[in-house]
């Protein structure tokens, strides 16, 4: 165990570089303890009447709703998201919890006719589900994994990204405030190669939900295969924005910039390439350049800002490395 993993992780404000929190990193031994506590809590949760589980999830949604502004400001601070985007994200967590609460009482099995009678199938929760969330949309992606898993009667262990653990930790507190059973939803901050790995390899974790790079996704899939463990992966992608000659070029050019600059371009469905039909290529470029230049880059806590910072200095250097030397517009 490396000392720096055990000591904790500094959370930085990407807009200013200042330290806003120190979060302890979860060791492999602590993951083991968390899995055991989650397994016990899951049995109690699954034994509740469906209406009771649904009621508690709706209560969780209501408590999140009361704290959307606080959650949004935390997201602005640790992830550099614009305030409007961050408010949408907090609202998305609330909406997902509400939506999944509506599914709790509809998770019915099936009756299948067979020779001489009926075959009855029941849907059973898996047990303990681990959700490994990324830093680009910390709140919604954490909720996309967590809310349905809780609704189906599982316990959830959420490992947020090292750079963005604060909203996840706060959501775990709000879950307790809403009355969810203790240890049912635990947040385990830490490094992917320590905390994440321990969750993937733990025999008490029935399923892994991972959003992140294709490289890490391959490794997780292989490790899950060794235990025949269920896995859901959402990995990197490259999406084109296609502009045909007969389209409304003014509108296409006006809407193109935010298709790849929203969230500072840190989005696995960002339209990072624009494919333009040859005969309108030059005209489209004439319209696109001023539209890109008009995007307001600035302090993410300012309501007028359309694009804030990249998540970290490391990421900034990586993005800068893709731009050829001497191209204007990338300033030091």
C-alpha atoms as a PDB file:
ATOM      1  CA  UNK A   1       0.000   0.000   0.000  1.00  0.00           C
ATOM      2  CA  UNK A   2       1.473   3.326  -1.028  1.00  0.00           C
ATOM      3  CA  UNK A   3       1.541   5.890   1.748  1.00  0.00           C
ATOM      4  CA  UNK A   4       0.003   8.585  -0.447  1.00  0.00           C
ATOM      5  CA  UNK A   5      -3.054   6.422  -1.080  1.00  0.00           C
ATOM      6  CA  UNK A   6      -3.731   5.884   2.591  1.00  0.00           C
ATOM      7  CA  UNK A   7      -3.069   9.510   3.540  1.00  0.00           C
ATOM      8  CA  UNK A   8      -5.837  10.932   1.422  1.00  0.00           C
ATOM      9  CA  UNK A   9      -6.365  12.987  -1.666  1.00  0.00           C
ATOM     10  CA  UNK A  10      -6.419  16.746  -2.142  1.00  0.00           C
ATOM     11  CA  UNK A  11      -9.455  18.071  -3.952  1.00  0.00           C
ATOM     12  CA  UNK A  12      -8.564  21.136  -6.022  1.00  0.00           C
ATOM     13  CA  UNK A  13     -10.732  23.844  -7.540  1.00  0.00           C
ATOM     14  CA  UNK A  14      -9.822  23.527 -11.242  1.00  0.00           C
ATOM     15  CA  UNK A  15     -10.643  27.201 -11.929  1.00  0.00           C
ATOM     16  CA  UNK A  16      -8.229  28.541  -9.303  1.00  0.00           C
ATOM     17  CA  UNK A  17      -5.945  25.626  -8.405  1.00  0.00           C
ATOM     18  CA  UNK A  18      -6.642  26.131  -4.696  1.00  0.00           C
ATOM     19  CA  UNK A  19      -7.155  23.160  -2.355  1.00  0.00           C
ATOM     20  CA  UNK A  20     -10.785  22.947  -1.212  1.00  0.00           C
ATOM     21  CA  UNK A  21     -10.740  19.663   0.722  1.00  0.00           C
ATOM     22  CA  UNK A  22      -8.688  16.645   1.758  1.00  0.00           C
ATOM     23  CA  UNK A  23     -10.535  13.365   1.408  1.00  0.00           C
ATOM     24  CA  UNK A  24      -9.211  10.147   2.981  1.00  0.00           C
ATOM     25  CA  UNK A  25      -8.569   7.347   0.484  1.00  0.00           C
ATOM     26  CA  UNK A  26     -10.260   3.991   1.078  1.00  0.00           C
ATOM     27  CA  UNK A  27      -7.844   1.073   1.551  1.00  0.00           C
ATOM     28  CA  UNK A  28      -8.501  -2.480   0.343  1.00  0.00           C
ATOM     29  CA  UNK A  29      -9.151  -3.532   3.967  1.00  0.00           C
ATOM     30  CA  UNK A  30     -11.727  -0.739   4.338  1.00  0.00           C
ATOM     31  CA  UNK A  31     -13.394  -1.870   1.098  1.00  0.00           C
ATOM     32  CA  UNK A  32     -13.734  -5.349   2.603  1.00  0.00           C
ATOM     33  CA  UNK A  33     -15.385  -3.918   5.736  1.00  0.00           C
ATOM     34  CA  UNK A  34     -17.708  -1.779   3.595  1.00  0.00           C
ATOM     35  CA  UNK A  35     -18.772  -4.803   1.511  1.00  0.00           C
ATOM     36  CA  UNK A  36     -19.646  -6.790   4.647  1.00  0.00           C
ATOM     37  CA  UNK A  37     -21.679  -3.913   6.113  1.00  0.00           C
ATOM     38  CA  UNK A  38     -23.406  -3.353   2.762  1.00  0.00           C
ATOM     39  CA  UNK A  39     -24.308  -7.045   2.467  1.00  0.00           C
ATOM     40  CA  UNK A  40     -26.014  -6.964   5.882  1.00  0.00           C
ATOM     41  CA  UNK A  41     -27.852  -3.709   5.073  1.00  0.00           C
ATOM     42  CA  UNK A  42     -28.960  -5.088   1.694  1.00  0.00           C
ATOM     43  CA  UNK A  43     -30.792  -8.013   3.305  1.00  0.00           C
ATOM     44  CA  UNK A  44     -32.775  -5.611   5.492  1.00  0.00           C
ATOM     45  CA  UNK A  45     -33.482  -3.298   2.534  1.00  0.00           C
ATOM     46  CA  UNK A  46     -34.643  -6.121   0.259  1.00  0.00           C
ATOM     47  CA  UNK A  47     -36.944  -7.400   3.031  1.00  0.00           C
ATOM     48  CA  UNK A  48     -38.850  -4.096   3.144  1.00  0.00           C
ATOM     49  CA  UNK A  49     -42.186  -3.914   1.357  1.00  0.00           C
ATOM     50  CA  UNK A  50     -41.737  -2.472  -2.156  1.00  0.00           C
ATOM     51  CA  UNK A  51     -43.949   0.498  -1.259  1.00  0.00           C
ATOM     52  CA  UNK A  52     -41.644   1.288   1.674  1.00  0.00           C
ATOM     53  CA  UNK A  53     -38.493   1.185  -0.490  1.00  0.00           C
ATOM     54  CA  UNK A  54     -40.235   3.414  -3.056  1.00  0.00           C
ATOM     55  CA  UNK A  55     -41.280   5.852  -0.319  1.00  0.00           C
ATOM     56  CA  UNK A  56     -37.702   6.103   1.005  1.00  0.00           C
ATOM     57  CA  UNK A  57     -36.291   6.706  -2.487  1.00  0.00           C
ATOM     58  CA  UNK A  58     -38.866   9.452  -3.064  1.00  0.00           C
ATOM     59  CA  UNK A  59     -37.866  10.938   0.289  1.00  0.00           C
ATOM     60  CA  UNK A  60     -34.215  10.792  -0.809  1.00  0.00           C
ATOM     61  CA  UNK A  61     -35.227  12.635  -4.017  1.00  0.00           C
ATOM     62  CA  UNK A  62     -37.008  15.301  -1.943  1.00  0.00           C
ATOM     63  CA  UNK A  63     -33.969  15.821   0.305  1.00  0.00           C
ATOM     64  CA  UNK A  64     -31.724  16.148  -2.774  1.00  0.00           C
ATOM     65  CA  UNK A  65     -34.209  18.681  -4.137  1.00  0.00           C
ATOM     66  CA  UNK A  66     -33.857  20.760  -0.952  1.00  0.00           C
ATOM     67  CA  UNK A  67     -30.062  20.775  -1.432  1.00  0.00           C
ATOM     68  CA  UNK A  68     -29.762  21.245  -5.209  1.00  0.00           C
ATOM     69  CA  UNK A  69     -28.152  24.671  -4.897  1.00  0.00           C
ATOM     70  CA  UNK A  70     -25.600  23.483  -2.350  1.00  0.00           C
ATOM     71  CA  UNK A  71     -24.785  20.393  -4.461  1.00  0.00           C
ATOM     72  CA  UNK A  72     -24.484  22.560  -7.578  1.00  0.00           C
ATOM     73  CA  UNK A  73     -22.051  24.946  -5.876  1.00  0.00           C
ATOM     74  CA  UNK A  74     -19.976  22.007  -4.646  1.00  0.00           C
ATOM     75  CA  UNK A  75     -19.842  20.717  -8.223  1.00  0.00           C
ATOM     76  CA  UNK A  76     -18.746  24.145  -9.502  1.00  0.00           C
ATOM     77  CA  UNK A  77     -16.002  24.160  -6.866  1.00  0.00           C
ATOM     78  CA  UNK A  78     -14.550  20.697  -7.419  1.00  0.00           C
ATOM     79  CA  UNK A  79     -15.355  20.034 -11.098  1.00  0.00           C
ATOM     80  CA  UNK A  80     -15.288  23.550 -12.588  1.00  0.00           C
ATOM     81  CA  UNK A  81     -18.733  23.104 -14.124  1.00  0.00           C
ATOM     82  CA  UNK A  82     -20.718  26.178 -15.029  1.00  0.00           C
ATOM     83  CA  UNK A  83     -23.395  26.988 -12.480  1.00  0.00           C
ATOM     84  CA  UNK A  84     -26.268  26.285 -14.885  1.00  0.00           C
ATOM     85  CA  UNK A  85     -24.873  22.871 -15.807  1.00  0.00           C
ATOM     86  CA  UNK A  86     -24.246  22.020 -12.154  1.00  0.00           C
ATOM     87  CA  UNK A  87     -27.813  22.933 -11.195  1.00  0.00           C
ATOM     88  CA  UNK A  88     -29.099  20.685 -13.983  1.00  0.00           C
ATOM     89  CA  UNK A  89     -26.896  17.859 -12.667  1.00  0.00           C
ATOM     90  CA  UNK A  90     -28.218  18.108  -9.104  1.00  0.00           C
ATOM     91  CA  UNK A  91     -31.762  18.151 -10.493  1.00  0.00           C
ATOM     92  CA  UNK A  92     -30.956  15.080 -12.579  1.00  0.00           C
ATOM     93  CA  UNK A  93     -30.016  13.140  -9.421  1.00  0.00           C
ATOM     94  CA  UNK A  94     -33.389  14.096  -7.913  1.00  0.00           C
ATOM     95  CA  UNK A  95     -35.265  13.140 -11.091  1.00  0.00           C
ATOM     96  CA  UNK A  96     -33.500   9.768 -11.358  1.00  0.00           C
ATOM     97  CA  UNK A  97     -34.332   8.872  -7.770  1.00  0.00           C
ATOM     98  CA  UNK A  98     -37.975   9.795  -8.407  1.00  0.00           C
ATOM     99  CA  UNK A  99     -38.056   7.860 -11.679  1.00  0.00           C
ATOM    100  CA  UNK A 100     -36.478   4.739 -10.164  1.00  0.00           C
ATOM    101  CA  UNK A 101     -38.773   4.921  -7.133  1.00  0.00           C
ATOM    102  CA  UNK A 102     -41.612   4.489  -9.618  1.00  0.00           C
ATOM    103  CA  UNK A 103     -40.048   1.236 -10.825  1.00  0.00           C
ATOM    104  CA  UNK A 104     -39.739  -0.431  -7.407  1.00  0.00           C
ATOM    105  CA  UNK A 105     -43.309  -1.696  -7.304  1.00  0.00           C
ATOM    106  CA  UNK A 106     -43.254  -2.751 -10.957  1.00  0.00           C
ATOM    107  CA  UNK A 107     -40.364  -5.229 -10.686  1.00  0.00           C
ATOM    108  CA  UNK A 108     -42.705  -8.194 -10.993  1.00  0.00           C
ATOM    109  CA  UNK A 109     -41.723 -11.617 -12.274  1.00  0.00           C
ATOM    110  CA  UNK A 110     -43.519 -13.709 -14.902  1.00  0.00           C
ATOM    111  CA  UNK A 111     -45.796 -16.667 -15.141  1.00  0.00           C
ATOM    112  CA  UNK A 112     -44.806 -18.898 -18.048  1.00  0.00           C
ATOM    113  CA  UNK A 113     -47.147 -21.686 -19.196  1.00  0.00           C
ATOM    114  CA  UNK A 114     -45.452 -25.100 -19.181  1.00  0.00           C
ATOM    115  CA  UNK A 115     -46.816 -28.610 -19.652  1.00  0.00           C
ATOM    116  CA  UNK A 116     -48.964 -29.471 -16.667  1.00  0.00           C
ATOM    117  CA  UNK A 117     -48.855 -26.128 -14.866  1.00  0.00           C
ATOM    118  CA  UNK A 118     -47.211 -22.733 -14.463  1.00  0.00           C
ATOM    119  CA  UNK A 119     -43.564 -21.829 -14.176  1.00  0.00           C
ATOM    120  CA  UNK A 120     -43.105 -18.762 -11.956  1.00  0.00           C
ATOM    121  CA  UNK A 121     -40.036 -16.508 -12.264  1.00  0.00           C
ATOM    122  CA  UNK A 122     -39.133 -13.942  -9.644  1.00  0.00           C
ATOM    123  CA  UNK A 123     -36.743 -10.981  -9.940  1.00  0.00           C
ATOM    124  CA  UNK A 124     -34.225 -11.019  -7.089  1.00  0.00           C
ATOM    125  CA  UNK A 125     -31.730  -8.257  -6.221  1.00  0.00           C
ATOM    126  CA  UNK A 126     -28.097  -9.130  -6.914  1.00  0.00           C
ATOM    127  CA  UNK A 127     -26.823  -7.995  -3.504  1.00  0.00           C
ATOM    128  CA  UNK A 128     -23.968  -5.475  -3.398  1.00  0.00           C
ATOM    129  CA  UNK A 129     -23.413  -3.357  -6.519  1.00  0.00           C
ATOM    130  CA  UNK A 130     -20.278  -1.213  -6.963  1.00  0.00           C
ATOM    131  CA  UNK A 131     -20.560   1.958  -9.046  1.00  0.00           C
ATOM    132  CA  UNK A 132     -17.270   3.495 -10.249  1.00  0.00           C
ATOM    133  CA  UNK A 133     -18.053   7.021 -11.458  1.00  0.00           C
ATOM    134  CA  UNK A 134     -15.976   9.462 -13.529  1.00  0.00           C
ATOM    135  CA  UNK A 135     -15.053  13.106 -12.965  1.00  0.00           C
ATOM    136  CA  UNK A 136     -16.720  14.624 -16.028  1.00  0.00           C
ATOM    137  CA  UNK A 137     -20.340  14.391 -14.778  1.00  0.00           C
ATOM    138  CA  UNK A 138     -19.863  13.273 -11.181  1.00  0.00           C
ATOM    139  CA  UNK A 139     -23.452  13.572  -9.945  1.00  0.00           C
ATOM    140  CA  UNK A 140     -25.628  12.278 -12.809  1.00  0.00           C
ATOM    141  CA  UNK A 141     -23.409   9.327 -13.721  1.00  0.00           C
ATOM    142  CA  UNK A 142     -23.152   8.286 -10.070  1.00  0.00           C
ATOM    143  CA  UNK A 143     -26.957   8.436  -9.879  1.00  0.00           C
ATOM    144  CA  UNK A 144     -27.469   6.517 -13.157  1.00  0.00           C
ATOM    145  CA  UNK A 145     -25.788   3.538 -11.509  1.00  0.00           C
ATOM    146  CA  UNK A 146     -26.940   4.053  -7.936  1.00  0.00           C
ATOM    147  CA  UNK A 147     -30.659   4.868  -8.219  1.00  0.00           C
ATOM    148  CA  UNK A 148     -31.744   1.807 -10.267  1.00  0.00           C
ATOM    149  CA  UNK A 149     -29.571  -0.501  -8.155  1.00  0.00           C
ATOM    150  CA  UNK A 150     -31.177   0.751  -4.925  1.00  0.00           C
ATOM    151  CA  UNK A 151     -34.645   0.546  -6.482  1.00  0.00           C
ATOM    152  CA  UNK A 152     -34.062  -3.114  -7.379  1.00  0.00           C
ATOM    153  CA  UNK A 153     -33.249  -3.887  -3.751  1.00  0.00           C
ATOM    154  CA  UNK A 154     -29.443  -3.787  -3.832  1.00  0.00           C
ATOM    155  CA  UNK A 155     -26.879  -2.046  -1.641  1.00  0.00           C
ATOM    156  CA  UNK A 156     -24.529   0.348  -3.447  1.00  0.00           C
ATOM    157  CA  UNK A 157     -20.854   1.128  -2.926  1.00  0.00           C
ATOM    158  CA  UNK A 158     -19.989   4.228  -4.949  1.00  0.00           C
ATOM    159  CA  UNK A 159     -16.393   5.078  -5.788  1.00  0.00           C
ATOM    160  CA  UNK A 160     -16.236   8.623  -7.124  1.00  0.00           C
ATOM    161  CA  UNK A 161     -13.302   9.848  -9.213  1.00  0.00           C
ATOM    162  CA  UNK A 162     -10.295  11.028  -7.190  1.00  0.00           C
ATOM    163  CA  UNK A 163     -10.717  14.609  -8.408  1.00  0.00           C
ATOM    164  CA  UNK A 164     -14.479  14.876  -7.664  1.00  0.00           C
ATOM    165  CA  UNK A 165     -15.513  13.024  -4.475  1.00  0.00           C
ATOM    166  CA  UNK A 166     -17.350  15.814  -2.642  1.00  0.00           C
ATOM    167  CA  UNK A 167     -20.825  15.680  -4.204  1.00  0.00           C
ATOM    168  CA  UNK A 168     -20.880  11.884  -3.797  1.00  0.00           C
ATOM    169  CA  UNK A 169     -19.967  12.121  -0.109  1.00  0.00           C
ATOM    170  CA  UNK A 170     -22.690  14.717   0.375  1.00  0.00           C
ATOM    171  CA  UNK A 171     -25.284  12.533  -1.382  1.00  0.00           C
ATOM    172  CA  UNK A 172     -24.465   9.689   1.040  1.00  0.00           C
ATOM    173  CA  UNK A 173     -25.156  12.048   3.967  1.00  0.00           C
ATOM    174  CA  UNK A 174     -28.430  13.150   2.391  1.00  0.00           C
ATOM    175  CA  UNK A 175     -29.468   9.494   1.936  1.00  0.00           C
ATOM    176  CA  UNK A 176     -29.115   8.951   5.687  1.00  0.00           C
ATOM    177  CA  UNK A 177     -30.997  12.186   6.351  1.00  0.00           C
ATOM    178  CA  UNK A 178     -33.815  10.872   4.142  1.00  0.00           C
ATOM    179  CA  UNK A 179     -34.023   7.700   6.224  1.00  0.00           C
ATOM    180  CA  UNK A 180     -32.265   5.138   4.020  1.00  0.00           C
ATOM    181  CA  UNK A 181     -30.762   2.358   6.167  1.00  0.00           C
ATOM    182  CA  UNK A 182     -27.196   2.827   7.396  1.00  0.00           C
ATOM    183  CA  UNK A 183     -24.476   1.208   5.226  1.00  0.00           C
ATOM    184  CA  UNK A 184     -26.932   0.667   2.335  1.00  0.00           C
ATOM    185  CA  UNK A 185     -25.368   3.440   0.233  1.00  0.00           C
ATOM    186  CA  UNK A 186     -21.704   4.054   1.048  1.00  0.00           C
ATOM    187  CA  UNK A 187     -19.238   6.300  -0.761  1.00  0.00           C
ATOM    188  CA  UNK A 188     -15.656   5.031  -0.888  1.00  0.00           C
ATOM    189  CA  UNK A 189     -13.268   7.682  -2.263  1.00  0.00           C
ATOM    190  CA  UNK A 190      -9.859   6.578  -3.455  1.00  0.00           C
ATOM    191  CA  UNK A 191      -7.621   5.693  -6.371  1.00  0.00           C
ATOM    192  CA  UNK A 192      -8.812   3.442  -9.172  1.00  0.00           C
ATOM    193  CA  UNK A 193      -5.883   1.061  -8.858  1.00  0.00           C
ATOM    194  CA  UNK A 194      -6.475   0.597  -5.100  1.00  0.00           C
ATOM    195  CA  UNK A 195     -10.101   1.263  -4.119  1.00  0.00           C
ATOM    196  CA  UNK A 196     -11.598   0.544  -7.550  1.00  0.00           C
ATOM    197  CA  UNK A 197      -9.533  -2.594  -7.970  1.00  0.00           C
ATOM    198  CA  UNK A 198     -10.544  -3.885  -4.524  1.00  0.00           C
ATOM    199  CA  UNK A 199     -14.225  -3.467  -5.451  1.00  0.00           C
ATOM    200  CA  UNK A 200     -13.781  -5.203  -8.809  1.00  0.00           C
ATOM    201  CA  UNK A 201     -11.940  -8.160  -7.282  1.00  0.00           C
ATOM    202  CA  UNK A 202     -14.063  -8.543  -4.131  1.00  0.00           C
ATOM    203  CA  UNK A 203     -16.116 -11.762  -4.240  1.00  0.00           C
ATOM    204  CA  UNK A 204     -18.848 -10.066  -2.178  1.00  0.00           C
ATOM    205  CA  UNK A 205     -19.545  -7.500  -4.927  1.00  0.00           C
ATOM    206  CA  UNK A 206     -22.063  -8.966  -7.373  1.00  0.00           C
ATOM    207  CA  UNK A 207     -21.884  -6.335 -10.107  1.00  0.00           C
ATOM    208  CA  UNK A 208     -19.631  -3.507 -11.304  1.00  0.00           C
ATOM    209  CA  UNK A 209     -20.946  -0.399 -13.057  1.00  0.00           C
ATOM    210  CA  UNK A 210     -18.072   1.578 -14.601  1.00  0.00           C
ATOM    211  CA  UNK A 211     -17.950   4.762 -16.643  1.00  0.00           C
ATOM    212  CA  UNK A 212     -14.526   5.830 -17.857  1.00  0.00           C
ATOM    213  CA  UNK A 213     -11.786   5.075 -20.337  1.00  0.00           C
ATOM    214  CA  UNK A 214     -11.868   2.156 -22.755  1.00  0.00           C
ATOM    215  CA  UNK A 215      -8.431   1.068 -21.478  1.00  0.00           C
ATOM    216  CA  UNK A 216      -9.598   0.709 -17.867  1.00  0.00           C
ATOM    217  CA  UNK A 217     -12.950  -0.730 -18.998  1.00  0.00           C
ATOM    218  CA  UNK A 218     -11.126  -3.608 -20.741  1.00  0.00           C
ATOM    219  CA  UNK A 219      -9.209  -4.375 -17.552  1.00  0.00           C
ATOM    220  CA  UNK A 220     -12.389  -4.347 -15.447  1.00  0.00           C
ATOM    221  CA  UNK A 221     -14.222  -6.561 -17.928  1.00  0.00           C
ATOM    222  CA  UNK A 222     -11.393  -9.104 -17.848  1.00  0.00           C
ATOM    223  CA  UNK A 223     -11.274  -9.127 -14.034  1.00  0.00           C
ATOM    224  CA  UNK A 224     -15.064  -9.497 -13.822  1.00  0.00           C
ATOM    225  CA  UNK A 225     -14.880 -12.369 -16.322  1.00  0.00           C
ATOM    226  CA  UNK A 226     -12.573 -14.260 -13.944  1.00  0.00           C
ATOM    227  CA  UNK A 227     -15.408 -14.328 -11.377  1.00  0.00           C
ATOM    228  CA  UNK A 228     -18.224 -14.381 -13.956  1.00  0.00           C
ATOM    229  CA  UNK A 229     -19.277 -11.105 -12.341  1.00  0.00           C
ATOM    230  CA  UNK A 230     -21.910  -8.924 -14.013  1.00  0.00           C
ATOM    231  CA  UNK A 231     -20.570  -5.697 -15.467  1.00  0.00           C
ATOM    232  CA  UNK A 232     -22.001  -2.606 -17.165  1.00  0.00           C
ATOM    233  CA  UNK A 233     -19.505  -0.397 -18.997  1.00  0.00           C
ATOM    234  CA  UNK A 234     -19.876   3.075 -20.490  1.00  0.00           C
ATOM    235  CA  UNK A 235     -16.582   3.856 -22.195  1.00  0.00           C
ATOM    236  CA  UNK A 236     -15.049   6.592 -24.331  1.00  0.00           C
ATOM    237  CA  UNK A 237     -16.522   7.515 -27.687  1.00  0.00           C
ATOM    238  CA  UNK A 238     -15.993   9.873 -30.596  1.00  0.00           C
ATOM    239  CA  UNK A 239     -19.089  11.462 -32.059  1.00  0.00           C
ATOM    240  CA  UNK A 240     -19.281  13.398 -35.332  1.00  0.00           C
ATOM    241  CA  UNK A 241     -21.445  16.420 -36.033  1.00  0.00           C
ATOM    242  CA  UNK A 242     -22.621  16.009 -39.645  1.00  0.00           C
ATOM    243  CA  UNK A 243     -23.540  19.102 -41.701  1.00  0.00           C
ATOM    244  CA  UNK A 244     -25.152  18.534 -45.088  1.00  0.00           C
ATOM    245  CA  UNK A 245     -25.336  21.107 -47.875  1.00  0.00           C
ATOM    246  CA  UNK A 246     -29.124  21.451 -47.629  1.00  0.00           C
ATOM    247  CA  UNK A 247     -29.150  22.186 -43.888  1.00  0.00           C
ATOM    248  CA  UNK A 248     -29.693  25.570 -42.275  1.00  0.00           C
ATOM    249  CA  UNK A 249     -26.000  26.525 -42.208  1.00  0.00           C
ATOM    250  CA  UNK A 250     -26.486  29.549 -39.946  1.00  0.00           C
ATOM    251  CA  UNK A 251     -28.197  27.447 -37.316  1.00  0.00           C
ATOM    252  CA  UNK A 252     -25.729  24.560 -37.728  1.00  0.00           C
ATOM    253  CA  UNK A 253     -22.789  26.922 -37.192  1.00  0.00           C
ATOM    254  CA  UNK A 254     -24.458  28.700 -34.273  1.00  0.00           C
ATOM    255  CA  UNK A 255     -25.168  25.443 -32.397  1.00  0.00           C
ATOM    256  CA  UNK A 256     -21.934  23.609 -33.272  1.00  0.00           C
ATOM    257  CA  UNK A 257     -19.592  25.216 -30.694  1.00  0.00           C
ATOM    258  CA  UNK A 258     -21.436  24.078 -27.554  1.00  0.00           C
ATOM    259  CA  UNK A 259     -21.711  20.577 -29.036  1.00  0.00           C
ATOM    260  CA  UNK A 260     -18.006  20.195 -28.278  1.00  0.00           C
ATOM    261  CA  UNK A 261     -17.298  22.994 -25.776  1.00  0.00           C
ATOM    262  CA  UNK A 262     -20.053  22.236 -23.267  1.00  0.00           C
ATOM    263  CA  UNK A 263     -18.449  21.017 -20.008  1.00  0.00           C
ATOM    264  CA  UNK A 264     -15.156  22.217 -21.546  1.00  0.00           C
ATOM    265  CA  UNK A 265     -15.454  19.362 -24.045  1.00  0.00           C
ATOM    266  CA  UNK A 266     -15.218  16.725 -21.290  1.00  0.00           C
ATOM    267  CA  UNK A 267     -18.087  14.592 -22.484  1.00  0.00           C
ATOM    268  CA  UNK A 268     -18.035  11.099 -24.004  1.00  0.00           C
ATOM    269  CA  UNK A 269     -20.744  12.148 -26.474  1.00  0.00           C
ATOM    270  CA  UNK A 270     -19.207  15.530 -27.373  1.00  0.00           C
ATOM    271  CA  UNK A 271     -19.329  16.108 -31.137  1.00  0.00           C
ATOM    272  CA  UNK A 272     -15.555  16.412 -31.426  1.00  0.00           C
ATOM    273  CA  UNK A 273     -15.439  16.244 -35.234  1.00  0.00           C
ATOM    274  CA  UNK A 274     -17.510  18.231 -37.707  1.00  0.00           C
ATOM    275  CA  UNK A 275     -18.065  16.497 -41.048  1.00  0.00           C
ATOM    276  CA  UNK A 276     -19.194  19.089 -43.600  1.00  0.00           C
ATOM    277  CA  UNK A 277     -20.374  18.370 -47.134  1.00  0.00           C
ATOM    278  CA  UNK A 278     -17.693  19.669 -49.491  1.00  0.00           C
ATOM    279  CA  UNK A 279     -19.697  22.320 -51.378  1.00  0.00           C
ATOM    280  CA  UNK A 280     -20.622  24.200 -48.188  1.00  0.00           C
ATOM    281  CA  UNK A 281     -17.309  23.679 -46.379  1.00  0.00           C
ATOM    282  CA  UNK A 282     -15.920  27.174 -46.894  1.00  0.00           C
ATOM    283  CA  UNK A 283     -19.193  28.946 -46.094  1.00  0.00           C
ATOM    284  CA  UNK A 284     -19.660  26.860 -42.946  1.00  0.00           C
ATOM    285  CA  UNK A 285     -16.148  27.719 -41.731  1.00  0.00           C
ATOM    286  CA  UNK A 286     -16.854  31.445 -42.247  1.00  0.00           C
ATOM    287  CA  UNK A 287     -19.931  31.093 -40.032  1.00  0.00           C
ATOM    288  CA  UNK A 288     -18.300  28.786 -37.460  1.00  0.00           C
ATOM    289  CA  UNK A 289     -15.236  30.875 -36.592  1.00  0.00           C
ATOM    290  CA  UNK A 290     -17.151  33.836 -35.085  1.00  0.00           C
ATOM    291  CA  UNK A 291     -19.540  31.441 -33.295  1.00  0.00           C
ATOM    292  CA  UNK A 292     -16.591  29.718 -31.571  1.00  0.00           C
ATOM    293  CA  UNK A 293     -14.945  33.046 -30.720  1.00  0.00           C
ATOM    294  CA  UNK A 294     -18.204  34.286 -29.144  1.00  0.00           C
ATOM    295  CA  UNK A 295     -18.261  31.497 -26.517  1.00  0.00           C
ATOM    296  CA  UNK A 296     -17.735  33.091 -23.092  1.00  0.00           C
ATOM    297  CA  UNK A 297     -14.877  31.398 -21.223  1.00  0.00           C
ATOM    298  CA  UNK A 298     -14.503  32.391 -17.596  1.00  0.00           C
ATOM    299  CA  UNK A 299     -15.149  31.789 -13.926  1.00  0.00           C
ATOM    300  CA  UNK A 300     -17.621  28.881 -13.758  1.00  0.00           C
ATOM    301  CA  UNK A 301     -19.477  30.481 -10.828  1.00  0.00           C
ATOM    302  CA  UNK A 302     -20.367  33.489 -13.016  1.00  0.00           C
ATOM    303  CA  UNK A 303     -23.826  33.047 -14.568  1.00  0.00           C
ATOM    304  CA  UNK A 304     -22.609  34.434 -17.930  1.00  0.00           C
ATOM    305  CA  UNK A 305     -19.802  31.884 -18.339  1.00  0.00           C
ATOM    306  CA  UNK A 306     -20.459  29.249 -20.998  1.00  0.00           C
ATOM    307  CA  UNK A 307     -17.202  27.338 -20.629  1.00  0.00           C
ATOM    308  CA  UNK A 308     -15.121  26.839 -17.511  1.00  0.00           C
ATOM    309  CA  UNK A 309     -11.772  25.126 -16.893  1.00  0.00           C
ATOM    310  CA  UNK A 310     -10.596  21.628 -17.700  1.00  0.00           C
ATOM    311  CA  UNK A 311     -10.613  19.334 -14.662  1.00  0.00           C
ATOM    312  CA  UNK A 312      -6.862  19.515 -13.930  1.00  0.00           C
ATOM    313  CA  UNK A 313      -3.463  20.796 -15.049  1.00  0.00           C
ATOM    314  CA  UNK A 314      -2.661  17.241 -16.216  1.00  0.00           C
ATOM    315  CA  UNK A 315      -5.720  17.243 -18.464  1.00  0.00           C
ATOM    316  CA  UNK A 316      -4.870  20.716 -19.769  1.00  0.00           C
ATOM    317  CA  UNK A 317      -1.411  19.507 -20.831  1.00  0.00           C
ATOM    318  CA  UNK A 318      -2.940  16.431 -22.472  1.00  0.00           C
ATOM    319  CA  UNK A 319      -5.392  18.532 -24.498  1.00  0.00           C
ATOM    320  CA  UNK A 320      -2.663  21.042 -25.378  1.00  0.00           C
ATOM    321  CA  UNK A 321      -0.522  18.190 -26.728  1.00  0.00           C
ATOM    322  CA  UNK A 322      -3.149  17.490 -29.429  1.00  0.00           C
ATOM    323  CA  UNK A 323      -2.843  21.007 -30.854  1.00  0.00           C
ATOM    324  CA  UNK A 324      -0.008  21.501 -33.354  1.00  0.00           C
ATOM    325  CA  UNK A 325       2.700  24.008 -32.424  1.00  0.00           C
ATOM    326  CA  UNK A 326       2.039  27.545 -33.596  1.00  0.00           C
ATOM    327  CA  UNK A 327      -1.753  27.263 -33.808  1.00  0.00           C
ATOM    328  CA  UNK A 328      -3.210  30.518 -32.521  1.00  0.00           C
ATOM    329  CA  UNK A 329      -5.819  30.485 -29.784  1.00  0.00           C
ATOM    330  CA  UNK A 330      -4.194  28.094 -27.311  1.00  0.00           C
ATOM    331  CA  UNK A 331      -2.649  30.400 -24.783  1.00  0.00           C
ATOM    332  CA  UNK A 332      -0.292  29.432 -21.968  1.00  0.00           C
END
